[in-house]
C-alpha atoms as a PDB file:
ATOM      1  CA  MET A   1      38.961  41.768 -16.685  1.00  0.00           C
ATOM      2  CA  SER A   2      35.602  43.465 -16.954  1.00  0.00           C
ATOM      3  CA  ARG A   3      32.902  43.045 -14.331  1.00  0.00           C
ATOM      4  CA  LEU A   4      30.583  41.702 -17.025  1.00  0.00           C
ATOM      5  CA  LEU A   5      33.069  38.994 -17.968  1.00  0.00           C
ATOM      6  CA  GLU A   6      33.615  38.147 -14.294  1.00  0.00           C
ATOM      7  CA  TYR A   7      29.848  37.885 -13.852  1.00  0.00           C
ATOM      8  CA  ARG A   8      29.513  35.567 -16.863  1.00  0.00           C
ATOM      9  CA  ILE A   9      32.346  33.344 -15.644  1.00  0.00           C
ATOM     10  CA  SER A  10      30.708  33.156 -12.212  1.00  0.00           C
ATOM     11  CA  ALA A  11      27.456  32.062 -13.876  1.00  0.00           C
ATOM     12  CA  LYS A  12      29.311  29.297 -15.745  1.00  0.00           C
ATOM     13  CA  LEU A  13      30.946  28.103 -12.540  1.00  0.00           C
ATOM     14  CA  ALA A  14      27.595  28.034 -10.756  1.00  0.00           C
ATOM     15  CA  ALA A  15      26.097  26.022 -13.625  1.00  0.00           C
ATOM     16  CA  GLU A  16      28.914  23.477 -13.302  1.00  0.00           C
ATOM     17  CA  ASP A  17      27.761  22.738  -9.745  1.00  0.00           C
ATOM     18  CA  VAL A  18      31.215  23.406  -8.311  1.00  0.00           C
ATOM     19  CA  PRO A  19      31.211  22.822  -4.536  1.00  0.00           C
ATOM     20  CA  PHE A  20      31.305  26.032  -2.501  1.00  0.00           C
ATOM     21  CA  TYR A  21      34.518  25.264  -0.631  1.00  0.00           C
ATOM     22  CA  ALA A  22      36.232  24.320  -3.894  1.00  0.00           C
ATOM     23  CA  LEU A  23      35.421  27.817  -5.136  1.00  0.00           C
ATOM     24  CA  ILE A  24      36.875  29.326  -1.954  1.00  0.00           C
ATOM     25  CA  MET A  25      40.057  27.262  -2.321  1.00  0.00           C
ATOM     26  CA  ALA A  26      40.351  28.303  -5.961  1.00  0.00           C
ATOM     27  CA  ALA A  27      39.870  31.940  -4.984  1.00  0.00           C
ATOM     28  CA  MET A  28      42.620  31.570  -2.375  1.00  0.00           C
ATOM     29  CA  ARG A  29      44.985  30.127  -4.973  1.00  0.00           C
ATOM     30  CA  ARG A  30      44.370  33.038  -7.348  1.00  0.00           C
ATOM     31  CA  ALA A  31      44.012  35.916  -4.890  1.00  0.00           C
ATOM     32  CA  ASP A  32      46.390  38.831  -4.631  1.00  0.00           C
ATOM     33  CA  SER A  33      47.902  39.424  -1.196  1.00  0.00           C
ATOM     34  CA  ILE A  34      45.181  41.820  -0.010  1.00  0.00           C
ATOM     35  CA  ASN A  35      42.305  39.571  -1.032  1.00  0.00           C
ATOM     36  CA  LEU A  36      44.090  36.472   0.259  1.00  0.00           C
ATOM     37  CA  LYS A  37      44.268  38.030   3.723  1.00  0.00           C
ATOM     38  CA  LYS A  38      40.519  38.708   3.566  1.00  0.00           C
ATOM     39  CA  LEU A  39      39.773  35.145   2.481  1.00  0.00           C
ATOM     40  CA  GLN A  40      42.061  33.713   5.173  1.00  0.00           C
ATOM     41  CA  ALA A  41      40.285  35.808   7.820  1.00  0.00           C
ATOM     42  CA  ALA A  42      36.854  34.717   6.608  1.00  0.00           C
ATOM     43  CA  TRP A  43      37.688  31.005   6.205  1.00  0.00           C
ATOM     44  CA  PRO A  44      40.745  30.134   8.314  1.00  0.00           C
ATOM     45  CA  GLY A  45      39.881  26.427   8.376  1.00  0.00           C
ATOM     46  CA  ILE A  46      39.686  26.256   4.598  1.00  0.00           C
ATOM     47  CA  TRP A  47      43.067  28.014   4.345  1.00  0.00           C
ATOM     48  CA  GLU A  48      44.607  25.510   6.789  1.00  0.00           C
ATOM     49  CA  GLU A  49      43.142  22.584   4.842  1.00  0.00           C
ATOM     50  CA  LEU A  50      44.399  23.988   1.534  1.00  0.00           C
ATOM     51  CA  GLN A  51      47.899  24.390   2.965  1.00  0.00           C
ATOM     52  CA  ARG A  52      47.841  20.905   4.514  1.00  0.00           C
ATOM     53  CA  LEU A  53      46.704  19.208   1.307  1.00  0.00           C
ATOM     54  CA  TYR A  54      49.219  21.200  -0.745  1.00  0.00           C
ATOM     55  CA  GLN A  55      52.020  19.505   1.210  1.00  0.00           C
ATOM     56  CA  ILE A  56      50.738  15.960   0.580  1.00  0.00           C
ATOM     57  CA  PRO A  57      51.688  14.319  -2.749  1.00  0.00           C
ATOM     58  CA  GLY A  58      48.506  14.020  -4.797  1.00  0.00           C
ATOM     59  CA  ALA A  59      46.611  15.718  -1.921  1.00  0.00           C
ATOM     60  CA  LEU A  60      45.589  12.266  -0.681  1.00  0.00           C
ATOM     61  CA  ASP A  61      45.521  11.585   3.039  1.00  0.00           C
ATOM     62  CA  GLU A  62      46.622   8.145   4.187  1.00  0.00           C
ATOM     63  CA  GLY A  63      43.878   5.651   3.378  1.00  0.00           C
ATOM     64  CA  GLU A  64      42.231   7.820   0.717  1.00  0.00           C
ATOM     65  CA  ARG A  65      42.117   6.877  -2.923  1.00  0.00           C
ATOM     66  CA  THR A  66      41.154   8.617  -6.124  1.00  0.00           C
ATOM     67  CA  CYS A  67      37.742   8.185  -7.749  1.00  0.00           C
END
């Protein structure tokens, strides 16, 4: 993928008002092993939360409900 295309996609994502930590989680899901290690080091709590929610059906904690 070209840097220009990556830049344009990032602009679209920013325009969609995607929450910051959602972007980090999405980056973690898509990252190669080298970049995943960097993301995990930078945001260990987000990585732990992503792994915890991944294990829960529907990613809903007890007492939570969908919108």
